Amino acid sequence: NVVMYARNLQATAAYWNPILKYVTARSGVPLELHIGRTANETTDRVAAGKLDFAYTNHLFTPKRDQLGWRVLARQNSSGIRGQVVVLSHSPVKTLQDLAGKPVAFANPYGFTGYYVPMDALLRAGVRVVPVFAGNQEAAMGQLMAEEVAAAGVNHQVMTDFAQRRGLSYRVLSESEPYFDLAIMASPRVSTVDGDKVRKAFIGMEHDPEGLRVLQVAAHSLGLPEARGFAPADNGDYKNYRAFLKRTLVPLNE
């Protein structure tokens, strides 16, 4: 199994290892965590067919959509939005004020952390200097340190980061909601195994042991509450596909 990460490697491992151990025990399908040094590297490994499962929203570009990966479940949240944010005391008031300025993004593969906010900037006629920090929290750290004028972020990761760090910020642009990252299966994973894994993930919050694992995982990231998984299929991600077909941002695929 592989996880695309918004946070650093240690935090990702602390969050996912107990969840994967639980899903392995419940489903009988052995899962182990594989994380590339960067999200780009991880996505490339998925696209090359080297992994069986992925937690990602990087596979909905026109080219990668043809690889045949299927959605099993998604994080049970009200959705994620792409935002362009600045510090509360920043003199920047509009997207136009960012013209020619450095703006931090996680990496050039990120959906709400790059494509969506960059598209908003380009549609506003604003060209910025993108600074790729490696992951979302690193981009937010650059904003906090005032090394950049703004950051393109996933609103949920930004909210969590700001609460933890006591950071005050303003939102200049916000997208429509998109479903959160998907648990996806490679075409080489059998329907039977895929269904076992799906059932284990979506059953977690309804099982005392599963809920405990989710609570421990959430606590490891300093999140206020456990986040379980909901049933999902490829159709739930059609607004990703529509966006990626029309975006002004050149696709890295």
C-alpha atoms as a PDB file:
ATOM      1  CA  ASN A   1       0.000   0.000   0.000  1.00  0.00           C
ATOM      2  CA  VAL A   2       1.152   3.540  -0.577  1.00  0.00           C
ATOM      3  CA  VAL A   3       0.155   6.850   0.884  1.00  0.00           C
ATOM      4  CA  MET A   4       0.573  10.231  -0.778  1.00  0.00           C
ATOM      5  CA  TYR A   5       1.534  12.510   2.012  1.00  0.00           C
ATOM      6  CA  ALA A   6       0.640  16.061   2.893  1.00  0.00           C
ATOM      7  CA  ARG A   7       2.769  15.904   6.021  1.00  0.00           C
ATOM      8  CA  ASN A   8       6.296  14.728   6.797  1.00  0.00           C
ATOM      9  CA  LEU A   9       7.391  11.094   6.616  1.00  0.00           C
ATOM     10  CA  GLN A  10       7.430  10.434  10.360  1.00  0.00           C
ATOM     11  CA  ALA A  11       3.938  11.894  10.837  1.00  0.00           C
ATOM     12  CA  THR A  12       2.637   9.931   7.854  1.00  0.00           C
ATOM     13  CA  ALA A  13       4.041   6.658   9.204  1.00  0.00           C
ATOM     14  CA  ALA A  14       2.704   7.306  12.727  1.00  0.00           C
ATOM     15  CA  TYR A  15      -0.759   7.930  11.275  1.00  0.00           C
ATOM     16  CA  TRP A  16      -0.948   5.130   8.717  1.00  0.00           C
ATOM     17  CA  ASN A  17       0.899   2.161  10.218  1.00  0.00           C
ATOM     18  CA  PRO A  18      -1.753   1.392  12.903  1.00  0.00           C
ATOM     19  CA  ILE A  19      -4.543   1.803  10.311  1.00  0.00           C
ATOM     20  CA  LEU A  20      -2.870  -0.550   7.826  1.00  0.00           C
ATOM     21  CA  LYS A  21      -2.169  -3.091  10.565  1.00  0.00           C
ATOM     22  CA  TYR A  22      -5.886  -3.066  11.448  1.00  0.00           C
ATOM     23  CA  VAL A  23      -7.034  -3.322   7.803  1.00  0.00           C
ATOM     24  CA  THR A  24      -4.599  -6.192   7.186  1.00  0.00           C
ATOM     25  CA  ALA A  25      -5.976  -8.088  10.205  1.00  0.00           C
ATOM     26  CA  ARG A  26      -9.617  -7.472   9.262  1.00  0.00           C
ATOM     27  CA  SER A  27      -9.332  -8.053   5.503  1.00  0.00           C
ATOM     28  CA  GLY A  28      -6.700 -10.782   5.354  1.00  0.00           C
ATOM     29  CA  VAL A  29      -5.015  -8.746   2.589  1.00  0.00           C
ATOM     30  CA  PRO A  30      -1.456  -7.864   3.687  1.00  0.00           C
ATOM     31  CA  LEU A  31      -0.792  -4.119   3.424  1.00  0.00           C
ATOM     32  CA  GLU A  32       2.435  -2.328   4.177  1.00  0.00           C
ATOM     33  CA  LEU A  33       3.285   1.343   3.956  1.00  0.00           C
ATOM     34  CA  HIS A  34       5.441   2.595   1.091  1.00  0.00           C
ATOM     35  CA  ILE A  35       6.216   6.294   0.882  1.00  0.00           C
ATOM     36  CA  GLY A  36       8.461   7.930  -1.688  1.00  0.00           C
ATOM     37  CA  ARG A  37      10.784  10.702  -0.575  1.00  0.00           C
ATOM     38  CA  THR A  38       8.454  13.098  -2.375  1.00  0.00           C
ATOM     39  CA  ALA A  39       4.846  12.894  -3.548  1.00  0.00           C
ATOM     40  CA  ASN A  40       6.191  13.111  -7.117  1.00  0.00           C
ATOM     41  CA  GLU A  41       8.301   9.986  -6.595  1.00  0.00           C
ATOM     42  CA  THR A  42       5.392   8.153  -4.988  1.00  0.00           C
ATOM     43  CA  THR A  43       3.020   9.063  -7.821  1.00  0.00           C
ATOM     44  CA  ASP A  44       5.571   7.890 -10.384  1.00  0.00           C
ATOM     45  CA  ARG A  45       5.846   4.518  -8.594  1.00  0.00           C
ATOM     46  CA  VAL A  46       2.063   4.148  -8.622  1.00  0.00           C
ATOM     47  CA  ALA A  47       1.847   5.082 -12.316  1.00  0.00           C
ATOM     48  CA  ALA A  48       4.618   2.576 -13.100  1.00  0.00           C
ATOM     49  CA  GLY A  49       2.473  -0.219 -11.621  1.00  0.00           C
ATOM     50  CA  LYS A  50       4.803  -0.966  -8.709  1.00  0.00           C
ATOM     51  CA  LEU A  51       2.127  -0.766  -6.000  1.00  0.00           C
ATOM     52  CA  ASP A  52      -1.244  -2.402  -5.375  1.00  0.00           C
ATOM     53  CA  PHE A  53      -3.141   0.181  -3.342  1.00  0.00           C
ATOM     54  CA  ALA A  54      -2.811   3.944  -3.004  1.00  0.00           C
ATOM     55  CA  TYR A  55      -4.269   6.735  -0.896  1.00  0.00           C
ATOM     56  CA  THR A  56      -4.221   9.546  -3.407  1.00  0.00           C
ATOM     57  CA  ASN A  57      -6.011  12.063  -5.574  1.00  0.00           C
ATOM     58  CA  HIS A  58      -3.190  12.157  -8.138  1.00  0.00           C
ATOM     59  CA  LEU A  59      -4.591   9.522 -10.520  1.00  0.00           C
ATOM     60  CA  PHE A  60      -7.428  11.504 -12.126  1.00  0.00           C
ATOM     61  CA  THR A  61      -5.439  13.321 -14.831  1.00  0.00           C
ATOM     62  CA  PRO A  62      -6.516  12.296 -18.366  1.00  0.00           C
ATOM     63  CA  LYS A  63      -3.393  10.151 -18.870  1.00  0.00           C
ATOM     64  CA  ARG A  64      -3.340   8.472 -15.444  1.00  0.00           C
ATOM     65  CA  ASP A  65      -7.094   7.910 -15.545  1.00  0.00           C
ATOM     66  CA  GLN A  66      -6.414   5.373 -18.302  1.00  0.00           C
ATOM     67  CA  LEU A  67      -4.253   3.225 -15.975  1.00  0.00           C
ATOM     68  CA  GLY A  68      -7.419   1.579 -14.662  1.00  0.00           C
ATOM     69  CA  TRP A  69      -7.086   2.229 -10.927  1.00  0.00           C
ATOM     70  CA  ARG A  70     -10.437   2.090  -9.104  1.00  0.00           C
ATOM     71  CA  VAL A  71     -11.751   3.961  -6.081  1.00  0.00           C
ATOM     72  CA  LEU A  72     -12.657   1.791  -3.062  1.00  0.00           C
ATOM     73  CA  ALA A  73     -13.311   4.377  -0.340  1.00  0.00           C
ATOM     74  CA  ARG A  74     -12.501   7.939   0.662  1.00  0.00           C
ATOM     75  CA  GLN A  75     -11.732   9.821   3.826  1.00  0.00           C
ATOM     76  CA  ASN A  76     -15.049  10.629   5.487  1.00  0.00           C
ATOM     77  CA  SER A  77     -14.943  14.420   5.460  1.00  0.00           C
ATOM     78  CA  SER A  78     -17.036  17.247   4.062  1.00  0.00           C
ATOM     79  CA  GLY A  79     -14.512  17.592   1.249  1.00  0.00           C
ATOM     80  CA  ILE A  80     -11.369  19.566   0.578  1.00  0.00           C
ATOM     81  CA  ARG A  81     -10.914  22.943  -1.090  1.00  0.00           C
ATOM     82  CA  GLY A  82      -7.912  24.579  -2.680  1.00  0.00           C
ATOM     83  CA  GLN A  83      -7.049  27.964  -1.202  1.00  0.00           C
ATOM     84  CA  VAL A  84      -4.602  30.802  -1.734  1.00  0.00           C
ATOM     85  CA  VAL A  85      -3.762  32.122   1.736  1.00  0.00           C
ATOM     86  CA  VAL A  86      -1.667  34.917   3.258  1.00  0.00           C
ATOM     87  CA  LEU A  87      -0.759  35.797   6.842  1.00  0.00           C
ATOM     88  CA  SER A  88      -3.357  37.977   8.578  1.00  0.00           C
ATOM     89  CA  HIS A  89      -1.010  40.964   8.788  1.00  0.00           C
ATOM     90  CA  SER A  90       0.114  40.696   5.132  1.00  0.00           C
ATOM     91  CA  PRO A  91      -0.325  43.829   2.998  1.00  0.00           C
ATOM     92  CA  VAL A  92      -1.604  41.559   0.195  1.00  0.00           C
ATOM     93  CA  LYS A  93      -5.371  42.026  -0.207  1.00  0.00           C
ATOM     94  CA  THR A  94      -6.153  40.467  -3.614  1.00  0.00           C
ATOM     95  CA  LEU A  95      -4.742  37.821  -5.949  1.00  0.00           C
ATOM     96  CA  GLN A  96      -3.535  40.654  -8.212  1.00  0.00           C
ATOM     97  CA  ASP A  97      -1.276  41.871  -5.383  1.00  0.00           C
ATOM     98  CA  LEU A  98       0.675  38.594  -5.716  1.00  0.00           C
ATOM     99  CA  ALA A  99       1.869  39.262  -9.296  1.00  0.00           C
ATOM    100  CA  GLY A 100       5.575  38.403  -9.589  1.00  0.00           C
ATOM    101  CA  LYS A 101       5.821  37.339  -5.934  1.00  0.00           C
ATOM    102  CA  PRO A 102       6.979  33.960  -4.531  1.00  0.00           C
ATOM    103  CA  VAL A 103       4.105  31.653  -3.587  1.00  0.00           C
ATOM    104  CA  ALA A 104       4.685  28.321  -1.809  1.00  0.00           C
ATOM    105  CA  PHE A 105       3.079  25.070  -2.975  1.00  0.00           C
ATOM    106  CA  ALA A 106       3.583  21.501  -1.771  1.00  0.00           C
ATOM    107  CA  ASN A 107       4.757  19.992  -5.077  1.00  0.00           C
ATOM    108  CA  PRO A 108       3.842  20.168  -8.771  1.00  0.00           C
ATOM    109  CA  TYR A 109       1.561  17.107  -8.512  1.00  0.00           C
ATOM    110  CA  GLY A 110      -0.695  18.332  -5.694  1.00  0.00           C
ATOM    111  CA  PHE A 111      -4.372  18.824  -6.506  1.00  0.00           C
ATOM    112  CA  THR A 112      -5.721  21.247  -3.889  1.00  0.00           C
ATOM    113  CA  GLY A 113      -2.129  22.089  -2.911  1.00  0.00           C
ATOM    114  CA  TYR A 114      -1.044  23.175  -6.415  1.00  0.00           C
ATOM    115  CA  TYR A 115      -3.308  22.742  -9.448  1.00  0.00           C
ATOM    116  CA  VAL A 116      -6.433  24.320  -7.951  1.00  0.00           C
ATOM    117  CA  PRO A 117      -4.852  27.440  -6.376  1.00  0.00           C
ATOM    118  CA  MET A 118      -2.480  27.945  -9.324  1.00  0.00           C
ATOM    119  CA  ASP A 119      -5.433  27.711 -11.712  1.00  0.00           C
ATOM    120  CA  ALA A 120      -7.236  30.403  -9.674  1.00  0.00           C
ATOM    121  CA  LEU A 121      -4.182  32.657 -10.008  1.00  0.00           C
ATOM    122  CA  LEU A 122      -3.869  32.081 -13.768  1.00  0.00           C
ATOM    123  CA  ARG A 123      -7.599  32.691 -14.316  1.00  0.00           C
ATOM    124  CA  ALA A 124      -7.186  35.983 -12.456  1.00  0.00           C
ATOM    125  CA  GLY A 125      -4.375  36.841 -14.895  1.00  0.00           C
ATOM    126  CA  VAL A 126      -1.753  36.631 -12.145  1.00  0.00           C
ATOM    127  CA  ARG A 127       1.683  35.083 -12.697  1.00  0.00           C
ATOM    128  CA  VAL A 128       3.596  34.198  -9.549  1.00  0.00           C
ATOM    129  CA  VAL A 129       6.950  32.569  -8.810  1.00  0.00           C
ATOM    130  CA  PRO A 130       6.089  29.040  -7.571  1.00  0.00           C
ATOM    131  CA  VAL A 131       8.224  27.698  -4.724  1.00  0.00           C
ATOM    132  CA  PHE A 132       7.832  23.935  -4.184  1.00  0.00           C
ATOM    133  CA  ALA A 133       8.411  23.089  -0.528  1.00  0.00           C
ATOM    134  CA  GLY A 134       8.114  19.277  -0.777  1.00  0.00           C
ATOM    135  CA  ASN A 135       4.930  18.796   1.232  1.00  0.00           C
ATOM    136  CA  GLN A 136       1.992  20.919   2.368  1.00  0.00           C
ATOM    137  CA  GLU A 137       3.173  21.598   5.891  1.00  0.00           C
ATOM    138  CA  ALA A 138       6.589  22.671   4.595  1.00  0.00           C
ATOM    139  CA  ALA A 139       4.827  25.172   2.294  1.00  0.00           C
ATOM    140  CA  MET A 140       2.859  26.467   5.283  1.00  0.00           C
ATOM    141  CA  GLY A 141       6.084  26.699   7.271  1.00  0.00           C
ATOM    142  CA  GLN A 142       7.565  28.937   4.557  1.00  0.00           C
ATOM    143  CA  LEU A 143       4.479  31.152   4.747  1.00  0.00           C
ATOM    144  CA  MET A 144       4.720  31.284   8.546  1.00  0.00           C
ATOM    145  CA  ALA A 145       8.408  32.269   8.293  1.00  0.00           C
ATOM    146  CA  GLU A 146       7.441  34.959   5.741  1.00  0.00           C
ATOM    147  CA  GLU A 147       9.801  33.475   3.146  1.00  0.00           C
ATOM    148  CA  VAL A 148       6.948  33.664   0.619  1.00  0.00           C
ATOM    149  CA  ALA A 149       4.078  36.105   0.068  1.00  0.00           C
ATOM    150  CA  ALA A 150       1.355  33.432   0.018  1.00  0.00           C
ATOM    151  CA  ALA A 151       0.742  29.693  -0.133  1.00  0.00           C
ATOM    152  CA  GLY A 152      -1.494  27.435  -2.214  1.00  0.00           C
ATOM    153  CA  VAL A 153      -3.002  24.930   0.198  1.00  0.00           C
ATOM    154  CA  ASN A 154      -5.502  22.181   0.956  1.00  0.00           C
ATOM    155  CA  HIS A 155      -7.912  23.985   3.302  1.00  0.00           C
ATOM    156  CA  GLN A 156      -8.144  21.054   5.738  1.00  0.00           C
ATOM    157  CA  VAL A 157      -4.381  20.649   6.182  1.00  0.00           C
ATOM    158  CA  MET A 158      -4.108  24.453   6.528  1.00  0.00           C
ATOM    159  CA  THR A 159      -6.820  24.544   9.206  1.00  0.00           C
ATOM    160  CA  ASP A 160      -5.112  21.758  11.192  1.00  0.00           C
ATOM    161  CA  PHE A 161      -1.677  23.391  10.846  1.00  0.00           C
ATOM    162  CA  ALA A 162      -2.933  26.843  11.893  1.00  0.00           C
ATOM    163  CA  GLN A 163      -4.749  25.465  14.952  1.00  0.00           C
ATOM    164  CA  ARG A 164      -1.670  23.562  16.056  1.00  0.00           C
ATOM    165  CA  ARG A 165       0.709  26.484  15.508  1.00  0.00           C
ATOM    166  CA  GLY A 166      -1.611  29.297  16.592  1.00  0.00           C
ATOM    167  CA  LEU A 167      -1.271  30.854  13.134  1.00  0.00           C
ATOM    168  CA  SER A 168      -3.643  33.570  11.947  1.00  0.00           C
ATOM    169  CA  TYR A 169      -4.221  33.756   8.185  1.00  0.00           C
ATOM    170  CA  ARG A 170      -6.574  35.120   5.511  1.00  0.00           C
ATOM    171  CA  VAL A 171      -8.058  33.347   2.479  1.00  0.00           C
ATOM    172  CA  LEU A 172      -7.796  35.221  -0.846  1.00  0.00           C
ATOM    173  CA  SER A 173      -9.310  32.503  -3.013  1.00  0.00           C
ATOM    174  CA  GLU A 174     -11.210  29.285  -2.327  1.00  0.00           C
ATOM    175  CA  SER A 175     -12.391  26.567  -4.720  1.00  0.00           C
ATOM    176  CA  GLU A 176     -15.500  24.424  -4.801  1.00  0.00           C
ATOM    177  CA  PRO A 177     -15.287  21.314  -2.578  1.00  0.00           C
ATOM    178  CA  TYR A 178     -13.744  18.102  -3.877  1.00  0.00           C
ATOM    179  CA  PHE A 179     -13.973  14.743  -2.137  1.00  0.00           C
ATOM    180  CA  ASP A 180     -10.945  13.992   0.010  1.00  0.00           C
ATOM    181  CA  LEU A 181      -8.233  11.537  -1.028  1.00  0.00           C
ATOM    182  CA  ALA A 182      -9.318   8.114  -2.244  1.00  0.00           C
ATOM    183  CA  ILE A 183      -8.237   4.629  -1.243  1.00  0.00           C
ATOM    184  CA  MET A 184      -7.595   3.162  -4.703  1.00  0.00           C
ATOM    185  CA  ALA A 185      -6.786  -0.310  -6.013  1.00  0.00           C
ATOM    186  CA  SER A 186      -4.532  -1.162  -8.935  1.00  0.00           C
ATOM    187  CA  PRO A 187      -6.128  -3.060 -11.843  1.00  0.00           C
ATOM    188  CA  ARG A 188      -4.037  -6.092 -10.838  1.00  0.00           C
ATOM    189  CA  VAL A 189      -5.846  -6.318  -7.466  1.00  0.00           C
ATOM    190  CA  SER A 190      -8.734  -8.793  -7.668  1.00  0.00           C
ATOM    191  CA  THR A 191     -12.302  -7.607  -7.090  1.00  0.00           C
ATOM    192  CA  VAL A 192     -12.491  -9.975  -4.106  1.00  0.00           C
ATOM    193  CA  ASP A 193      -9.395  -8.521  -2.410  1.00  0.00           C
ATOM    194  CA  GLY A 194     -10.473  -4.978  -3.276  1.00  0.00           C
ATOM    195  CA  ASP A 195     -13.859  -5.565  -1.638  1.00  0.00           C
ATOM    196  CA  LYS A 196     -12.237  -7.008   1.504  1.00  0.00           C
ATOM    197  CA  VAL A 197     -10.011  -3.938   1.848  1.00  0.00           C
ATOM    198  CA  ARG A 198     -12.939  -1.573   1.138  1.00  0.00           C
ATOM    199  CA  LYS A 199     -15.089  -3.220   3.843  1.00  0.00           C
ATOM    200  CA  ALA A 200     -12.275  -3.083   6.404  1.00  0.00           C
ATOM    201  CA  PHE A 201     -11.663   0.645   5.821  1.00  0.00           C
ATOM    202  CA  ILE A 202     -15.308   1.738   5.849  1.00  0.00           C
ATOM    203  CA  GLY A 203     -16.090  -0.458   8.857  1.00  0.00           C
ATOM    204  CA  MET A 204     -13.381   1.068  11.057  1.00  0.00           C
ATOM    205  CA  GLU A 205     -15.399   3.790  12.744  1.00  0.00           C
ATOM    206  CA  HIS A 206     -18.266   1.334  13.444  1.00  0.00           C
ATOM    207  CA  ASP A 207     -15.994  -1.181  15.210  1.00  0.00           C
ATOM    208  CA  PRO A 208     -14.678  -0.358  18.725  1.00  0.00           C
ATOM    209  CA  GLU A 209     -11.151  -1.555  17.893  1.00  0.00           C
ATOM    210  CA  GLY A 210     -11.187   0.265  14.536  1.00  0.00           C
ATOM    211  CA  LEU A 211     -12.414   3.471  16.164  1.00  0.00           C
ATOM    212  CA  ARG A 212      -9.661   3.229  18.770  1.00  0.00           C
ATOM    213  CA  VAL A 213      -7.056   2.883  15.995  1.00  0.00           C
ATOM    214  CA  LEU A 214      -8.497   5.943  14.206  1.00  0.00           C
ATOM    215  CA  GLN A 215      -8.419   7.936  17.454  1.00  0.00           C
ATOM    216  CA  VAL A 216      -4.781   6.993  18.100  1.00  0.00           C
ATOM    217  CA  ALA A 217      -3.918   7.939  14.502  1.00  0.00           C
ATOM    218  CA  ALA A 218      -5.696  11.308  14.809  1.00  0.00           C
ATOM    219  CA  HIS A 219      -3.962  11.982  18.137  1.00  0.00           C
ATOM    220  CA  SER A 220      -0.568  11.328  16.480  1.00  0.00           C
ATOM    221  CA  LEU A 221      -1.227  14.314  14.175  1.00  0.00           C
ATOM    222  CA  GLY A 222      -2.770  16.482  16.883  1.00  0.00           C
ATOM    223  CA  LEU A 223      -6.179  16.301  15.174  1.00  0.00           C
ATOM    224  CA  PRO A 224      -9.225  17.048  17.339  1.00  0.00           C
ATOM    225  CA  GLU A 225     -11.234  14.014  16.214  1.00  0.00           C
ATOM    226  CA  ALA A 226     -10.883  10.678  14.444  1.00  0.00           C
ATOM    227  CA  ARG A 227     -11.499  10.604  10.709  1.00  0.00           C
ATOM    228  CA  GLY A 228     -12.911   7.408   9.294  1.00  0.00           C
ATOM    229  CA  PHE A 229     -13.546   6.234   5.739  1.00  0.00           C
ATOM    230  CA  ALA A 230     -16.715   6.299   3.629  1.00  0.00           C
ATOM    231  CA  PRO A 231     -17.755   4.170   0.627  1.00  0.00           C
ATOM    232  CA  ALA A 232     -16.809   5.774  -2.700  1.00  0.00           C
ATOM    233  CA  ASP A 233     -16.421   4.902  -6.362  1.00  0.00           C
ATOM    234  CA  ASN A 234     -14.886   6.459  -9.460  1.00  0.00           C
ATOM    235  CA  GLY A 235     -18.003   8.567 -10.135  1.00  0.00           C
ATOM    236  CA  ASP A 236     -17.467  10.524  -6.913  1.00  0.00           C
ATOM    237  CA  TYR A 237     -14.325  12.029  -8.439  1.00  0.00           C
ATOM    238  CA  LYS A 238     -15.815  13.344 -11.685  1.00  0.00           C
ATOM    239  CA  ASN A 239     -15.249  16.990 -10.707  1.00  0.00           C
ATOM    240  CA  TYR A 240     -11.509  16.206 -10.422  1.00  0.00           C
ATOM    241  CA  ARG A 241     -11.525  14.857 -13.971  1.00  0.00           C
ATOM    242  CA  ALA A 242     -13.509  17.845 -15.269  1.00  0.00           C
ATOM    243  CA  PHE A 243     -11.124  20.309 -13.604  1.00  0.00           C
ATOM    244  CA  LEU A 244      -8.008  18.517 -14.883  1.00  0.00           C
ATOM    245  CA  LYS A 245      -9.349  18.572 -18.456  1.00  0.00           C
ATOM    246  CA  ARG A 246      -9.918  22.334 -18.443  1.00  0.00           C
ATOM    247  CA  THR A 247      -7.230  23.697 -16.105  1.00  0.00           C
ATOM    248  CA  LEU A 248      -4.873  26.418 -17.342  1.00  0.00           C
ATOM    249  CA  VAL A 249      -2.026  24.788 -15.380  1.00  0.00           C
ATOM    250  CA  PRO A 250       0.186  22.458 -17.470  1.00  0.00           C
ATOM    251  CA  LEU A 251      -0.312  18.925 -16.132  1.00  0.00           C
ATOM    252  CA  ASN A 252       2.624  16.950 -14.778  1.00  0.00           C
ATOM    253  CA  GLU A 253       1.700  13.439 -15.852  1.00  0.00           C
END
